[in-house]
């Protein structure tokens, strides 16, 4: 499911285990439904994300997203 309302995009995202580099030009609000992922900032902080977690990613964030267990999340992105 995916929706766009003005400059806000929302949807469901799912990924299987792996690791990749991320750079966010926009801000994103997320809710993890299932799994374990690690979001690591270039500055060194690492955040372990689990089912039930809510968090926001600031515009300009740079780092790595690592899916440890298949992850499913809802997100809202201001574009």
PDB file of N, CA and C in Angstrom:
ATOM      1  N   UNK A   1       0.844  -1.173   0.000  1.00  0.00           N
ATOM      2  CA  UNK A   1       0.000   0.000   0.000  1.00  0.00           C
ATOM      3  C   UNK A   1       0.887   1.232   0.000  1.00  0.00           C
ATOM      4  N   UNK A   2       0.523   2.187  -0.809  1.00  0.00           N
ATOM      5  CA  UNK A   2       1.305   3.407  -0.923  1.00  0.00           C
ATOM      6  C   UNK A   2       0.374   4.562  -1.226  1.00  0.00           C
ATOM      7  N   UNK A   3       0.581   5.697  -0.569  1.00  0.00           N
ATOM      8  CA  UNK A   3      -0.257   6.861  -0.806  1.00  0.00           C
ATOM      9  C   UNK A   3       0.599   8.117  -0.864  1.00  0.00           C
ATOM     10  N   UNK A   4       0.159   9.069  -1.651  1.00  0.00           N
ATOM     11  CA  UNK A   4       0.806  10.367  -1.719  1.00  0.00           C
ATOM     12  C   UNK A   4      -0.257  11.430  -1.511  1.00  0.00           C
ATOM     13  N   UNK A   5      -0.020  12.326  -0.558  1.00  0.00           N
ATOM     14  CA  UNK A   5      -0.945  13.431  -0.290  1.00  0.00           C
ATOM     15  C   UNK A   5      -0.112  14.706  -0.247  1.00  0.00           C
ATOM     16  N   UNK A   6      -0.182  15.493  -1.308  1.00  0.00           N
ATOM     17  CA  UNK A   6       0.632  16.705  -1.373  1.00  0.00           C
ATOM     18  C   UNK A   6       2.106  16.348  -1.393  1.00  0.00           C
ATOM     19  N   UNK A   7       2.834  16.796  -0.377  1.00  0.00           N
ATOM     20  CA  UNK A   7       4.268  16.515  -0.324  1.00  0.00           C
ATOM     21  C   UNK A   7       4.620  15.432   0.698  1.00  0.00           C
ATOM     22  N   UNK A   8       3.625  14.602   1.087  1.00  0.00           N
ATOM     23  CA  UNK A   8       3.863  13.504   2.022  1.00  0.00           C
ATOM     24  C   UNK A   8       3.564  12.171   1.340  1.00  0.00           C
ATOM     25  N   UNK A   9       4.518  11.266   1.414  1.00  0.00           N
ATOM     26  CA  UNK A   9       4.394   9.916   0.856  1.00  0.00           C
ATOM     27  C   UNK A   9       4.337   8.954   2.042  1.00  0.00           C
ATOM     28  N   UNK A  10       3.412   8.012   2.031  1.00  0.00           N
ATOM     29  CA  UNK A  10       3.361   7.011   3.103  1.00  0.00           C
ATOM     30  C   UNK A  10       3.185   5.638   2.488  1.00  0.00           C
ATOM     31  N   UNK A  11       3.648   4.631   3.188  1.00  0.00           N
ATOM     32  CA  UNK A  11       3.522   3.284   2.660  1.00  0.00           C
ATOM     33  C   UNK A  11       4.089   2.244   3.603  1.00  0.00           C
ATOM     34  N   UNK A  12       4.129   1.026   3.117  1.00  0.00           N
ATOM     35  CA  UNK A  12       4.692  -0.119   3.828  1.00  0.00           C
ATOM     36  C   UNK A  12       5.944  -0.543   3.084  1.00  0.00           C
ATOM     37  N   UNK A  13       7.011  -0.780   3.820  1.00  0.00           N
ATOM     38  CA  UNK A  13       8.296  -1.184   3.252  1.00  0.00           C
ATOM     39  C   UNK A  13       8.707  -2.492   3.905  1.00  0.00           C
ATOM     40  N   UNK A  14       9.267  -3.403   3.133  1.00  0.00           N
ATOM     41  CA  UNK A  14       9.759  -4.663   3.671  1.00  0.00           C
ATOM     42  C   UNK A  14      11.059  -5.014   2.981  1.00  0.00           C
ATOM     43  N   UNK A  15      12.019  -5.544   3.749  1.00  0.00           N
ATOM     44  CA  UNK A  15      13.301  -5.937   3.170  1.00  0.00           C
ATOM     45  C   UNK A  15      13.820  -7.188   3.872  1.00  0.00           C
ATOM     46  N   UNK A  16      14.542  -7.996   3.122  1.00  0.00           N
ATOM     47  CA  UNK A  16      15.177  -9.201   3.654  1.00  0.00           C
ATOM     48  C   UNK A  16      16.599  -8.850   4.099  1.00  0.00           C
ATOM     49  N   UNK A  17      17.246  -9.742   4.856  1.00  0.00           N
ATOM     50  CA  UNK A  17      18.569  -9.440   5.388  1.00  0.00           C
ATOM     51  C   UNK A  17      19.568  -8.945   4.336  1.00  0.00           C
ATOM     52  N   UNK A  18      20.317  -7.947   4.754  1.00  0.00           N
ATOM     53  CA  UNK A  18      21.335  -7.330   3.915  1.00  0.00           C
ATOM     54  C   UNK A  18      21.743  -6.005   4.543  1.00  0.00           C
ATOM     55  N   UNK A  19      22.706  -5.334   3.928  1.00  0.00           N
ATOM     56  CA  UNK A  19      23.196  -4.055   4.439  1.00  0.00           C
ATOM     57  C   UNK A  19      23.495  -3.136   3.272  1.00  0.00           C
ATOM     58  N   UNK A  20      23.089  -1.868   3.379  1.00  0.00           N
ATOM     59  CA  UNK A  20      23.348  -0.906   2.323  1.00  0.00           C
ATOM     60  C   UNK A  20      23.458   0.490   2.901  1.00  0.00           C
ATOM     61  N   UNK A  21      24.072   1.342   2.138  1.00  0.00           N
ATOM     62  CA  UNK A  21      24.271   2.744   2.498  1.00  0.00           C
ATOM     63  C   UNK A  21      22.987   3.534   2.242  1.00  0.00           C
ATOM     64  N   UNK A  22      22.667   4.472   3.160  1.00  0.00           N
ATOM     65  CA  UNK A  22      21.499   5.329   2.988  1.00  0.00           C
ATOM     66  C   UNK A  22      21.896   6.785   3.196  1.00  0.00           C
ATOM     67  N   UNK A  23      21.251   7.650   2.427  1.00  0.00           N
ATOM     68  CA  UNK A  23      21.393   9.094   2.587  1.00  0.00           C
ATOM     69  C   UNK A  23      20.003   9.685   2.394  1.00  0.00           C
ATOM     70  N   UNK A  24      19.499  10.361   3.414  1.00  0.00           N
ATOM     71  CA  UNK A  24      18.144  10.910   3.381  1.00  0.00           C
ATOM     72  C   UNK A  24      18.172  12.409   3.127  1.00  0.00           C
ATOM     73  N   UNK A  25      17.606  12.846   2.022  1.00  0.00           N
ATOM     74  CA  UNK A  25      17.447  14.272   1.753  1.00  0.00           C
ATOM     75  C   UNK A  25      16.195  14.777   2.472  1.00  0.00           C
ATOM     76  N   UNK A  26      15.260  13.861   2.721  1.00  0.00           N
ATOM     77  CA  UNK A  26      13.985  14.198   3.337  1.00  0.00           C
ATOM     78  C   UNK A  26      13.917  13.624   4.750  1.00  0.00           C
ATOM     79  N   UNK A  27      12.920  14.070   5.526  1.00  0.00           N
ATOM     80  CA  UNK A  27      12.680  13.499   6.843  1.00  0.00           C
ATOM     81  C   UNK A  27      11.725  12.325   6.719  1.00  0.00           C
ATOM     82  N   UNK A  28      11.859  11.351   7.611  1.00  0.00           N
ATOM     83  CA  UNK A  28      10.999  10.164   7.560  1.00  0.00           C
ATOM     84  C   UNK A  28      10.603   9.758   8.974  1.00  0.00           C
ATOM     85  N   UNK A  29       9.335   9.403   9.158  1.00  0.00           N
ATOM     86  CA  UNK A  29       8.835   8.852  10.408  1.00  0.00           C
ATOM     87  C   UNK A  29       8.512   7.386  10.161  1.00  0.00           C
ATOM     88  N   UNK A  30       8.943   6.497  11.042  1.00  0.00           N
ATOM     89  CA  UNK A  30       8.783   5.051  10.828  1.00  0.00           C
ATOM     90  C   UNK A  30       8.190   4.352  12.051  1.00  0.00           C
ATOM     91  N   UNK A  31       7.495   3.249  11.781  1.00  0.00           N
ATOM     92  CA  UNK A  31       6.999   2.334  12.809  1.00  0.00           C
ATOM     93  C   UNK A  31       7.354   0.930  12.357  1.00  0.00           C
ATOM     94  N   UNK A  32       8.163   0.231  13.148  1.00  0.00           N
ATOM     95  CA  UNK A  32       8.587  -1.128  12.819  1.00  0.00           C
ATOM     96  C   UNK A  32       7.497  -2.110  13.257  1.00  0.00           C
ATOM     97  N   UNK A  33       7.027  -2.923  12.319  1.00  0.00           N
ATOM     98  CA  UNK A  33       6.019  -3.946  12.628  1.00  0.00           C
ATOM     99  C   UNK A  33       6.659  -5.259  13.051  1.00  0.00           C
ATOM    100  N   UNK A  34       7.732  -5.633  12.367  1.00  0.00           N
ATOM    101  CA  UNK A  34       8.381  -6.909  12.675  1.00  0.00           C
ATOM    102  C   UNK A  34       9.845  -6.832  12.314  1.00  0.00           C
ATOM    103  N   UNK A  35      10.657  -7.648  13.040  1.00  0.00           N
ATOM    104  CA  UNK A  35      12.056  -7.830  12.701  1.00  0.00           C
ATOM    105  C   UNK A  35      13.043  -7.148  13.606  1.00  0.00           C
ATOM    106  N   UNK A  36      14.284  -7.196  13.136  1.00  0.00           N
ATOM    107  CA  UNK A  36      15.398  -6.503  13.772  1.00  0.00           C
ATOM    108  C   UNK A  36      16.235  -5.888  12.659  1.00  0.00           C
ATOM    109  N   UNK A  37      16.488  -4.585  12.790  1.00  0.00           N
ATOM    110  CA  UNK A  37      17.379  -3.878  11.875  1.00  0.00           C
ATOM    111  C   UNK A  37      18.295  -2.990  12.700  1.00  0.00           C
ATOM    112  N   UNK A  38      19.405  -2.595  12.108  1.00  0.00           N
ATOM    113  CA  UNK A  38      20.334  -1.674  12.756  1.00  0.00           C
ATOM    114  C   UNK A  38      20.540  -0.493  11.819  1.00  0.00           C
ATOM    115  N   UNK A  39      20.302   0.700  12.337  1.00  0.00           N
ATOM    116  CA  UNK A  39      20.516   1.923  11.582  1.00  0.00           C
ATOM    117  C   UNK A  39      21.731   2.606  12.198  1.00  0.00           C
ATOM    118  N   UNK A  40      22.822   2.675  11.433  1.00  0.00           N
ATOM    119  CA  UNK A  40      24.086   3.229  11.928  1.00  0.00           C
ATOM    120  C   UNK A  40      24.357   4.573  11.272  1.00  0.00           C
ATOM    121  N   UNK A  41      24.696   5.553  12.088  1.00  0.00           N
ATOM    122  CA  UNK A  41      25.026   6.880  11.581  1.00  0.00           C
ATOM    123  C   UNK A  41      26.506   6.950  11.233  1.00  0.00           C
ATOM    124  N   UNK A  42      26.850   7.748  10.227  1.00  0.00           N
ATOM    125  CA  UNK A  42      28.254   7.941   9.879  1.00  0.00           C
ATOM    126  C   UNK A  42      29.050   8.458  11.074  1.00  0.00           C
ATOM    127  N   UNK A  43      28.404   9.216  11.970  1.00  0.00           N
ATOM    128  CA  UNK A  43      29.074   9.772  13.144  1.00  0.00           C
ATOM    129  C   UNK A  43      29.377   8.702  14.194  1.00  0.00           C
ATOM    130  N   UNK A  44      28.864   7.470  13.999  1.00  0.00           N
ATOM    131  CA  UNK A  44      29.216   6.386  14.905  1.00  0.00           C
ATOM    132  C   UNK A  44      28.088   5.760  15.694  1.00  0.00           C
ATOM    133  N   UNK A  45      26.986   6.460  15.951  1.00  0.00           N
ATOM    134  CA  UNK A  45      25.894   5.895  16.743  1.00  0.00           C
ATOM    135  C   UNK A  45      25.152   4.821  15.937  1.00  0.00           C
ATOM    136  N   UNK A  46      24.836   3.709  16.603  1.00  0.00           N
ATOM    137  CA  UNK A  46      24.077   2.624  15.975  1.00  0.00           C
ATOM    138  C   UNK A  46      22.794   2.420  16.782  1.00  0.00           C
ATOM    139  N   UNK A  47      21.672   2.293  16.090  1.00  0.00           N
ATOM    140  CA  UNK A  47      20.366   2.150  16.724  1.00  0.00           C
ATOM    141  C   UNK A  47      19.754   0.817  16.295  1.00  0.00           C
ATOM    142  N   UNK A  48      19.501  -0.068  17.252  1.00  0.00           N
ATOM    143  CA  UNK A  48      18.849  -1.339  16.960  1.00  0.00           C
ATOM    144  C   UNK A  48      17.349  -1.115  16.986  1.00  0.00           C
ATOM    145  N   UNK A  49      16.680  -1.512  15.911  1.00  0.00           N
ATOM    146  CA  UNK A  49      15.248  -1.286  15.737  1.00  0.00           C
ATOM    147  C   UNK A  49      14.514  -2.620  15.791  1.00  0.00           C
ATOM    148  N   UNK A  50      13.448  -2.669  16.586  1.00  0.00           N
ATOM    149  CA  UNK A  50      12.674  -3.899  16.765  1.00  0.00           C
ATOM    150  C   UNK A  50      11.190  -3.611  16.621  1.00  0.00           C
ATOM    151  N   UNK A  51      10.417  -4.687  16.494  1.00  0.00           N
ATOM    152  CA  UNK A  51       8.957  -4.565  16.395  1.00  0.00           C
ATOM    153  C   UNK A  51       8.428  -3.671  17.508  1.00  0.00           C
ATOM    154  N   UNK A  52       7.560  -2.726  17.127  1.00  0.00           N
ATOM    155  CA  UNK A  52       6.957  -1.804  18.077  1.00  0.00           C
ATOM    156  C   UNK A  52       7.672  -0.472  18.177  1.00  0.00           C
ATOM    157  N   UNK A  53       8.906  -0.370  17.659  1.00  0.00           N
ATOM    158  CA  UNK A  53       9.654   0.888  17.734  1.00  0.00           C
ATOM    159  C   UNK A  53       9.096   1.934  16.773  1.00  0.00           C
ATOM    160  N   UNK A  54       9.058   3.173  17.239  1.00  0.00           N
ATOM    161  CA  UNK A  54       8.734   4.347  16.427  1.00  0.00           C
ATOM    162  C   UNK A  54       9.977   5.221  16.431  1.00  0.00           C
ATOM    163  N   UNK A  55      10.292   5.855  15.315  1.00  0.00           N
ATOM    164  CA  UNK A  55      11.446   6.748  15.279  1.00  0.00           C
ATOM    165  C   UNK A  55      11.352   7.665  14.066  1.00  0.00           C
ATOM    166  N   UNK A  56      12.138   8.725  14.105  1.00  0.00           N
ATOM    167  CA  UNK A  56      12.210   9.664  12.989  1.00  0.00           C
ATOM    168  C   UNK A  56      13.653   9.734  12.500  1.00  0.00           C
ATOM    169  N   UNK A  57      13.806   9.881  11.197  1.00  0.00           N
ATOM    170  CA  UNK A  57      15.118  10.058  10.592  1.00  0.00           C
ATOM    171  C   UNK A  57      15.169  11.496  10.083  1.00  0.00           C
ATOM    172  N   UNK A  58      16.158  12.224  10.501  1.00  0.00           N
ATOM    173  CA  UNK A  58      16.257  13.643  10.139  1.00  0.00           C
ATOM    174  C   UNK A  58      16.737  13.810   8.696  1.00  0.00           C
ATOM    175  N   UNK A  59      16.310  14.882   8.045  1.00  0.00           N
ATOM    176  CA  UNK A  59      16.847  15.182   6.712  1.00  0.00           C
ATOM    177  C   UNK A  59      18.370  15.345   6.812  1.00  0.00           C
ATOM    178  N   UNK A  60      19.086  14.820   5.842  1.00  0.00           N
ATOM    179  CA  UNK A  60      20.542  14.902   5.847  1.00  0.00           C
ATOM    180  C   UNK A  60      21.223  13.725   6.524  1.00  0.00           C
ATOM    181  N   UNK A  61      20.434  12.775   7.067  1.00  0.00           N
ATOM    182  CA  UNK A  61      21.018  11.594   7.715  1.00  0.00           C
ATOM    183  C   UNK A  61      21.846  10.809   6.705  1.00  0.00           C
ATOM    184  N   UNK A  62      23.022  10.348   7.140  1.00  0.00           N
ATOM    185  CA  UNK A  62      23.881   9.490   6.312  1.00  0.00           C
ATOM    186  C   UNK A  62      24.392   8.347   7.164  1.00  0.00           C
ATOM    187  N   UNK A  63      24.328   7.144   6.607  1.00  0.00           N
ATOM    188  CA  UNK A  63      24.800   5.987   7.345  1.00  0.00           C
ATOM    189  C   UNK A  63      24.491   4.697   6.615  1.00  0.00           C
ATOM    190  N   UNK A  64      24.257   3.627   7.393  1.00  0.00           N
ATOM    191  CA  UNK A  64      23.953   2.308   6.828  1.00  0.00           C
ATOM    192  C   UNK A  64      22.708   1.734   7.476  1.00  0.00           C
ATOM    193  N   UNK A  65      21.917   1.066   6.674  1.00  0.00           N
ATOM    194  CA  UNK A  65      20.743   0.336   7.145  1.00  0.00           C
ATOM    195  C   UNK A  65      21.086  -1.138   6.991  1.00  0.00           C
ATOM    196  N   UNK A  66      21.049  -1.882   8.102  1.00  0.00           N
ATOM    197  CA  UNK A  66      21.312  -3.314   8.069  1.00  0.00           C
ATOM    198  C   UNK A  66      20.080  -4.062   8.552  1.00  0.00           C
ATOM    199  N   UNK A  67      19.534  -4.900   7.692  1.00  0.00           N
ATOM    200  CA  UNK A  67      18.401  -5.746   8.054  1.00  0.00           C
ATOM    201  C   UNK A  67      18.976  -7.067   8.560  1.00  0.00           C
ATOM    202  N   UNK A  68      18.797  -7.331   9.853  1.00  0.00           N
ATOM    203  CA  UNK A  68      19.295  -8.554  10.481  1.00  0.00           C
ATOM    204  C   UNK A  68      18.271  -9.679  10.284  1.00  0.00           C
ATOM    205  N   UNK A  69      17.000  -9.353  10.508  1.00  0.00           N
ATOM    206  CA  UNK A  69      15.879 -10.261  10.255  1.00  0.00           C
ATOM    207  C   UNK A  69      14.899  -9.498   9.361  1.00  0.00           C
ATOM    208  N   UNK A  70      14.241 -10.193   8.440  1.00  0.00           N
ATOM    209  CA  UNK A  70      13.317  -9.525   7.522  1.00  0.00           C
ATOM    210  C   UNK A  70      12.510  -8.474   8.277  1.00  0.00           C
ATOM    211  N   UNK A  71      12.550  -7.251   7.766  1.00  0.00           N
ATOM    212  CA  UNK A  71      11.948  -6.099   8.435  1.00  0.00           C
ATOM    213  C   UNK A  71      10.779  -5.573   7.632  1.00  0.00           C
ATOM    214  N   UNK A  72       9.711  -5.245   8.361  1.00  0.00           N
ATOM    215  CA  UNK A  72       8.515  -4.639   7.741  1.00  0.00           C
ATOM    216  C   UNK A  72       8.191  -3.396   8.555  1.00  0.00           C
ATOM    217  N   UNK A  73       8.020  -2.266   7.857  1.00  0.00           N
ATOM    218  CA  UNK A  73       7.733  -1.014   8.547  1.00  0.00           C
ATOM    219  C   UNK A  73       6.759  -0.156   7.762  1.00  0.00           C
ATOM    220  N   UNK A  74       6.073   0.708   8.483  1.00  0.00           N
ATOM    221  CA  UNK A  74       5.260   1.750   7.873  1.00  0.00           C
ATOM    222  C   UNK A  74       6.079   3.024   7.947  1.00  0.00           C
ATOM    223  N   UNK A  75       5.960   3.861   6.923  1.00  0.00           N
ATOM    224  CA  UNK A  75       6.693   5.108   6.955  1.00  0.00           C
ATOM    225  C   UNK A  75       5.881   6.251   6.358  1.00  0.00           C
ATOM    226  N   UNK A  76       6.245   7.440   6.758  1.00  0.00           N
ATOM    227  CA  UNK A  76       5.701   8.674   6.190  1.00  0.00           C
ATOM    228  C   UNK A  76       6.896   9.563   5.904  1.00  0.00           C
ATOM    229  N   UNK A  77       7.003  10.002   4.644  1.00  0.00           N
ATOM    230  CA  UNK A  77       8.160  10.776   4.201  1.00  0.00           C
ATOM    231  C   UNK A  77       7.688  12.112   3.659  1.00  0.00           C
ATOM    232  N   UNK A  78       8.282  13.181   4.164  1.00  0.00           N
ATOM    233  CA  UNK A  78       7.988  14.514   3.623  1.00  0.00           C
ATOM    234  C   UNK A  78       8.957  14.764   2.480  1.00  0.00           C
ATOM    235  N   UNK A  79       8.406  14.878   1.247  1.00  0.00           N
ATOM    236  CA  UNK A  79       9.238  15.063   0.062  1.00  0.00           C
ATOM    237  C   UNK A  79       9.335  16.514  -0.338  1.00  0.00           C
TER     238      UNK A  79
END
